[in-house]
Protein backbone atom coordinates (compact mmCIF):
# COMPACT_ATOMS: atom_id res chain seq x y z
CA MET A 1 32.17 21.77 -2.30
CA GLU A 2 33.24 23.61 -5.43
CA ARG A 3 36.02 21.80 -7.26
CA ARG A 4 39.07 23.32 -8.90
CA THR A 5 41.64 21.89 -11.29
CA ILE A 6 45.34 21.40 -10.60
CA GLY A 7 47.03 21.85 -13.95
CA ALA A 8 44.69 19.64 -15.99
CA PRO A 9 40.94 18.88 -16.05
CA ALA A 10 41.64 15.35 -14.86
CA LEU A 11 43.20 16.69 -11.65
CA ALA A 12 40.15 18.07 -9.83
CA VAL A 13 40.18 18.81 -6.10
CA GLY A 14 38.01 20.50 -3.51
CA ALA A 15 38.43 24.28 -3.47
CA VAL A 16 39.98 24.14 0.02
CA GLY A 17 42.64 21.57 0.86
CA LEU A 18 44.15 20.28 4.09
CA GLY A 19 47.74 20.89 5.09
CA CYS A 20 48.76 17.90 7.20
CA MET A 21 52.16 19.11 8.45
CA PRO A 22 50.89 20.29 11.90
CA MET A 23 49.79 16.74 12.71
CA ASN A 24 53.37 15.50 13.06
CA TRP A 25 55.79 18.33 12.47
CA ALA A 26 56.75 21.78 13.73
CA TYR A 27 53.67 23.00 15.58
CA SER A 28 53.42 22.09 19.29
CA THR A 29 54.21 18.45 18.69
CA SER A 30 54.36 17.66 22.40
CA ARG A 31 50.56 17.70 22.71
CA GLN A 32 49.56 16.00 19.49
CA ARG A 33 47.40 12.89 19.45
CA GLY A 34 47.12 10.62 16.44
CA ASP A 35 43.42 9.93 16.88
CA GLU A 36 42.66 13.66 16.80
CA SER A 37 44.55 14.06 13.54
CA LEU A 38 42.84 11.02 12.01
CA ARG A 39 39.45 12.51 12.79
CA ALA A 40 40.53 15.78 11.18
CA VAL A 41 41.53 14.02 7.96
CA HIS A 42 38.29 12.04 7.82
CA ARG A 43 36.31 15.22 8.43
CA ALA A 44 38.14 16.99 5.61
CA LEU A 45 37.27 14.21 3.17
CA ASP A 46 33.65 14.17 4.37
CA LEU A 47 33.41 17.90 3.56
CA GLY A 48 35.01 17.60 0.13
CA CYS A 49 38.46 18.92 1.09
CA SER A 50 40.03 16.20 -1.00
CA LEU A 51 43.58 17.58 -1.40
CA LEU A 52 45.76 16.22 1.41
CA ASP A 53 49.17 17.90 1.42
CA THR A 54 52.08 16.15 3.13
CA ALA A 55 55.81 15.43 2.66
CA ASP A 56 58.15 12.59 3.48
CA MET A 57 60.19 14.88 5.76
CA TYR A 58 57.23 15.68 8.06
CA GLY A 59 57.94 13.65 11.15
CA PRO A 60 60.05 12.56 9.33
CA PHE A 61 57.87 9.90 7.69
CA THR A 62 55.16 9.79 10.39
CA ASN A 63 52.88 12.21 8.54
CA GLU A 64 52.72 9.93 5.51
CA LEU A 65 52.19 6.90 7.78
CA LEU A 66 49.25 8.64 9.45
CA LEU A 67 47.67 9.50 6.10
CA GLY A 68 48.21 5.95 4.95
CA ARG A 69 45.84 4.75 7.67
CA VAL A 70 43.10 6.93 6.16
CA LEU A 71 43.93 6.23 2.53
CA LYS A 72 43.74 2.50 3.12
CA GLU A 73 40.00 3.02 3.67
CA ARG A 74 39.24 6.11 1.57
CA ARG A 75 41.66 6.34 -1.32
CA ALA A 76 38.92 7.23 -3.82
CA ASP A 77 37.95 10.30 -1.77
CA ALA A 78 41.42 11.79 -1.60
CA PHE A 79 43.88 13.65 -3.83
CA VAL A 80 47.33 13.00 -2.36
CA SER A 81 50.16 15.52 -2.65
CA THR A 82 53.50 14.63 -1.13
CA LYS A 83 57.02 15.96 -1.55
CA VAL A 84 60.57 14.77 -2.03
CA GLY A 85 63.98 16.40 -1.88
CA LEU A 86 64.68 17.20 1.78
CA LEU A 87 66.36 15.00 4.37
CA VAL A 88 66.09 15.62 8.11
CA GLY A 89 69.33 15.11 10.01
CA ASP A 90 70.26 15.53 13.67
CA GLN A 91 71.18 19.19 13.23
CA HIS A 92 70.24 20.26 9.72
CA ILE A 93 67.77 19.78 6.89
CA VAL A 94 69.60 19.11 3.65
CA ALA A 95 68.49 18.83 0.03
CA ASN A 96 68.90 15.66 -2.01
CA GLY A 97 67.87 15.76 -5.65
CA ARG A 98 69.90 12.84 -6.95
CA PRO A 99 67.80 10.81 -9.39
CA GLY A 100 68.42 7.48 -7.68
CA TYR A 101 67.38 8.90 -4.32
CA VAL A 102 64.22 10.45 -5.78
CA LYS A 103 63.09 7.10 -7.17
CA ARG A 104 63.77 5.26 -3.90
CA ALA A 105 62.00 7.98 -1.92
CA CYS A 106 58.93 7.70 -4.12
CA ASP A 107 58.69 3.96 -3.53
CA ALA A 108 59.02 4.54 0.21
CA SER A 109 56.27 7.19 0.16
CA LEU A 110 53.96 4.84 -1.74
CA ARG A 111 54.45 2.19 0.94
CA ARG A 112 53.83 4.59 3.81
CA LEU A 113 50.77 6.10 2.14
CA GLN A 114 49.40 2.63 1.35
CA THR A 115 48.61 3.56 -2.23
CA ASP A 116 49.84 2.57 -5.66
CA VAL A 117 49.92 6.11 -7.08
CA ILE A 118 50.69 9.62 -5.84
CA ASP A 119 48.41 12.24 -7.39
CA LEU A 120 50.87 15.15 -7.14
CA TYR A 121 54.57 14.64 -6.45
CA GLN A 122 56.34 17.86 -5.56
CA LEU A 123 60.00 18.77 -5.46
CA HIS A 124 60.31 20.22 -1.97
CA ARG A 125 63.57 22.05 -2.64
CA ALA A 126 66.09 22.01 -5.46
CA ASP A 127 69.45 20.46 -4.61
CA PRO A 128 72.22 23.01 -5.33
CA GLU A 129 74.58 20.12 -6.13
CA VAL A 130 72.32 18.57 -8.78
CA PRO A 131 70.98 20.31 -11.92
CA VAL A 132 67.27 20.67 -11.37
CA GLU A 133 66.63 19.20 -14.82
CA GLU A 134 68.17 15.91 -13.66
CA THR A 135 65.97 15.75 -10.58
CA TRP A 136 62.90 16.66 -12.61
CA GLY A 137 63.76 14.07 -15.24
CA ALA A 138 63.78 11.35 -12.56
CA MET A 139 60.40 12.57 -11.32
CA ALA A 140 59.06 12.49 -14.89
CA GLU A 141 60.12 8.85 -15.15
CA LEU A 142 57.94 8.13 -12.14
CA VAL A 143 54.95 9.56 -14.03
CA ARG A 144 55.73 7.37 -17.04
CA ALA A 145 56.01 4.36 -14.72
CA GLY A 146 52.50 5.01 -13.37
CA LYS A 147 53.66 5.73 -9.83
CA VAL A 148 52.83 9.46 -10.00
CA ARG A 149 50.07 11.31 -11.85
CA ALA A 150 51.47 14.86 -11.95
CA LEU A 151 54.46 16.92 -10.84
CA GLY A 152 54.76 20.13 -8.86
CA LEU A 153 57.29 22.47 -7.28
CA CYS A 154 57.26 23.70 -3.69
CA ALA A 155 59.22 26.87 -2.84
CA VAL A 156 61.84 26.00 -5.44
CA GLY A 157 64.46 28.73 -5.80
CA ALA A 158 64.80 29.66 -2.14
CA ARG A 159 68.49 28.74 -1.93
CA SER A 160 69.32 30.56 -5.16
CA ALA A 161 67.41 33.64 -4.05
CA ARG A 162 69.36 33.86 -0.79
CA ARG A 163 72.70 33.46 -2.58
CA THR A 164 72.09 36.07 -5.26
CA GLY A 165 69.89 38.52 -3.41
CA THR A 166 67.15 38.24 -6.04
CA GLY A 167 63.52 37.77 -5.16
CA LEU A 168 62.37 34.31 -4.16
CA HIS A 169 59.59 34.22 -6.72
CA ASP A 170 61.83 35.44 -9.55
CA ALA A 171 64.21 32.57 -8.79
CA THR A 172 61.29 30.15 -8.62
CA ILE A 173 60.03 31.25 -12.02
CA ARG A 174 63.45 30.76 -13.56
CA GLN A 175 63.54 27.19 -12.26
CA LEU A 176 59.97 26.58 -13.38
CA GLU A 177 60.91 27.62 -16.90
CA ARG A 178 63.87 25.24 -16.84
CA VAL A 179 61.91 22.19 -15.72
CA GLN A 180 59.01 22.95 -18.08
CA GLN A 181 61.41 22.07 -20.88
CA VAL A 182 61.75 18.58 -19.40
CA PHE A 183 58.20 17.72 -18.30
CA PRO A 184 55.05 19.79 -17.63
CA VAL A 185 54.55 21.45 -14.24
CA SER A 186 51.03 20.85 -12.97
CA ALA A 187 51.17 22.85 -9.74
CA VAL A 188 53.26 25.26 -7.71
CA GLU A 189 53.01 25.49 -3.94
CA ALA A 190 54.06 28.77 -2.33
CA GLU A 191 52.96 31.05 0.43
CA LEU A 192 50.00 33.34 -0.23
CA SER A 193 47.92 35.17 2.35
CA VAL A 194 46.51 38.58 3.21
CA TRP A 195 49.69 39.45 5.11
CA SER A 196 52.07 37.77 2.62
CA PRO A 197 50.67 38.63 -0.83
CA GLU A 198 53.97 38.68 -2.75
CA ALA A 199 53.00 35.75 -5.00
CA LEU A 200 50.39 38.02 -6.62
CA TRP A 201 53.07 40.11 -8.30
CA ALA A 202 54.67 37.54 -10.62
CA LEU A 203 54.37 33.91 -9.56
CA LEU A 204 50.58 33.67 -9.56
CA PRO A 205 50.20 35.35 -12.98
CA TRP A 206 52.90 33.02 -14.36
CA CYS A 207 50.85 30.02 -13.23
CA ALA A 208 47.56 31.45 -14.54
CA ALA A 209 49.01 32.14 -17.98
CA ARG A 210 50.19 28.52 -18.32
CA GLY A 211 47.30 26.62 -16.78
CA VAL A 212 49.37 25.67 -13.74
CA GLY A 213 47.58 25.16 -10.44
CA PHE A 214 48.64 27.19 -7.40
CA LEU A 215 48.54 25.68 -3.91
CA ALA A 216 48.47 28.53 -1.41
CA ALA A 217 50.53 27.52 1.60
CA MET A 218 50.05 29.26 4.96
CA PRO A 219 46.89 31.07 3.80
CA LEU A 220 46.07 31.94 7.42
CA GLY A 221 49.48 33.43 8.15
CA ASN A 222 50.58 30.61 10.47
CA GLY A 223 47.40 31.19 12.47
CA PHE A 224 47.74 34.95 12.91
CA LEU A 225 44.91 35.80 10.52
CA THR A 226 42.43 33.68 12.48
CA GLY A 227 42.33 36.36 15.16
CA THR A 228 42.74 33.72 17.87
CA LEU A 229 46.38 34.51 18.73
CA ARG A 230 47.06 37.23 21.28
CA PRO A 231 50.27 39.27 21.56
CA GLY A 232 52.39 38.13 24.47
CA GLU A 233 50.75 34.73 24.91
CA GLY A 234 53.88 32.99 23.70
CA PHE A 235 54.36 29.65 21.99
CA GLU A 236 55.70 26.28 23.06
CA PRO A 237 59.48 25.96 22.63
CA ASP A 238 59.13 23.48 19.75
CA ASP A 239 56.80 25.81 17.83
CA PRO A 240 58.73 27.71 15.10
CA ARG A 241 56.65 30.81 15.77
CA ALA A 242 58.47 31.13 19.10
CA ARG A 243 61.55 32.19 17.09
CA HIS A 244 59.83 33.97 14.21
CA PRO A 245 60.39 37.76 13.89
CA ARG A 246 56.77 38.39 12.92
CA PHE A 247 55.47 36.59 16.01
CA THR A 248 57.16 38.61 18.71
CA ALA A 249 54.69 40.28 21.07
CA GLU A 250 55.65 43.67 19.61
CA MET A 251 55.09 42.68 16.00
CA MET A 252 51.87 40.80 16.73
CA ALA A 253 50.50 43.90 18.42
CA ALA A 254 51.63 46.10 15.53
CA ASN A 255 49.84 43.86 13.01
CA GLN A 256 46.50 43.71 14.82
CA PRO A 257 44.95 46.26 12.39
CA ILE A 258 45.11 43.56 9.71
CA VAL A 259 43.01 41.17 11.80
CA ALA A 260 40.68 44.00 12.78
CA GLY A 261 40.04 44.70 9.11
CA LEU A 262 39.24 41.06 8.40
CA ARG A 263 36.92 41.04 11.40
CA ARG A 264 35.00 44.07 10.08
CA ILE A 265 34.45 42.36 6.74
CA ALA A 266 33.38 39.15 8.46
CA ALA A 267 30.78 41.00 10.51
CA ARG A 268 29.11 42.29 7.35
CA HIS A 269 28.63 38.72 6.10
CA GLY A 270 26.63 37.57 9.08
CA GLU A 271 26.91 35.78 12.37
CA GLY A 272 29.45 33.00 12.49
CA VAL A 273 31.69 34.35 9.72
CA THR A 274 35.23 34.63 11.08
CA PRO A 275 38.38 36.53 10.10
CA ALA A 276 39.84 33.16 9.06
CA ALA A 277 36.97 32.60 6.62
CA VAL A 278 37.54 36.04 5.10
CA ALA A 279 41.28 35.36 4.79
CA LEU A 280 40.65 32.06 2.98
CA ALA A 281 37.92 33.57 0.78
CA TRP A 282 40.39 36.28 -0.24
CA VAL A 283 42.86 33.60 -1.36
CA LEU A 284 40.13 31.77 -3.27
CA ALA A 285 39.21 35.03 -5.01
CA GLN A 286 42.69 35.32 -6.55
CA GLY A 287 41.83 32.92 -9.36
CA PRO A 288 40.08 29.66 -10.23
CA HIS A 289 43.44 27.89 -10.31
CA VAL A 290 44.17 28.74 -6.65
CA VAL A 291 43.59 26.22 -3.85
CA PRO A 292 44.38 27.31 -0.29
CA VAL A 293 45.89 24.58 1.87
CA PRO A 294 45.41 25.63 5.51
CA GLY A 295 47.15 23.36 7.99
CA THR A 296 45.44 22.01 11.09
CA LYS A 297 45.07 18.89 13.18
CA GLN A 298 41.65 19.67 14.69
CA GLU A 299 38.21 18.80 13.33
CA ARG A 300 36.65 22.11 14.31
CA TRP A 301 39.16 24.12 12.30
CA VAL A 302 38.78 21.77 9.32
CA THR A 303 35.04 22.44 9.40
CA GLN A 304 35.53 26.19 9.68
CA ASN A 305 38.07 26.28 6.87
CA ALA A 306 35.85 24.26 4.56
CA GLY A 307 33.03 26.74 5.13
CA ALA A 308 35.14 29.50 3.61
CA ALA A 309 34.53 27.94 0.17
CA ARG A 310 30.94 29.22 0.39
CA LEU A 311 31.89 32.80 1.27
CA ARG A 312 31.87 35.22 -1.66
CA LEU A 313 33.63 38.50 -1.05
CA THR A 314 32.25 41.57 -2.81
CA PRO A 315 34.39 43.96 -4.86
CA GLY A 316 34.13 46.33 -1.91
CA ASP A 317 35.42 43.64 0.45
CA LEU A 318 38.38 42.94 -1.81
CA ALA A 319 39.18 46.64 -2.07
CA GLU A 320 39.07 46.90 1.71
CA VAL A 321 41.51 44.01 2.06
CA ALA A 322 43.81 45.65 -0.49
CA ALA A 323 43.77 48.83 1.59
CA LEU A 324 44.82 47.10 4.82
CA PRO A 325 48.25 48.08 6.13
CA ARG A 326 51.22 46.01 5.05
CA ALA A 327 52.40 43.53 7.63
CA LEU A 328 55.30 44.65 9.80
CA GLY A 329 58.20 42.44 10.79
CA SER A 330 60.68 40.37 8.81
CA TRP A 331 59.24 37.21 7.28
CA GLU A 332 62.57 35.40 6.74
């Protein structure tokens, strides 16, 4: 598989990564089996999808424990990205960016992952009670101590954006510029997909201009862009899409023209090419610093997603995607 760099030439990863969250968190957890997820991770590494994206809060903790079982055998094949800064309580998820906590959390993640170094350590959310520079400074100390290779930000600025009414990505950029003064940012993780392209307007160019890698979260639109979800089918109660405004039967029906457009492009590229492959290829086409991180727990989808790295969209294809209707329905 083609390899791309995350912030520095020494941080090379497969062009398509693997989002591990669905294996232990959020998506239909009642039917998940650990052996199925383990096979998916092994398959990803076999295909060159070396970037494994997790977080300590997924589970919580069980996602890192699962990956640790794979890393114990295949550490050299993997690029590990995990996150710190969110705590899961009985009723709420809260931010914690206190330096002492960050250092303890890193040690705990290293133990669960069964490794002596984390390739990319991301701040999951900024703590509104702690200056982000203090949190970032503690993370930088982890790099100097040899426990972490590089630092990244994941959806930083969300709380500030909701308070002030400014755009999420504008708030993220402001925080990126603050922490850059403390220690270099190697990667930013934020949503980017055909039906959520907002990162193209400011955040992605900011990263490109500074040599910062961009991890595209939810590149398949939480599964909608695969074309396998049908309006009205419904979701299990523990699936967040069951409560998401864009996944009501009405909105899913209204957004079908987007999937239909991806399907038309796929058909021109030959038998076996899917709307999902086109959606991922579109993300890959946004720049050599972009790595989509589709989440799944099944081998077959890992294989399909990896195949998208070989699909090259033409200028006409890209223009057709740009002309697709904007997605309807609130995303927040």
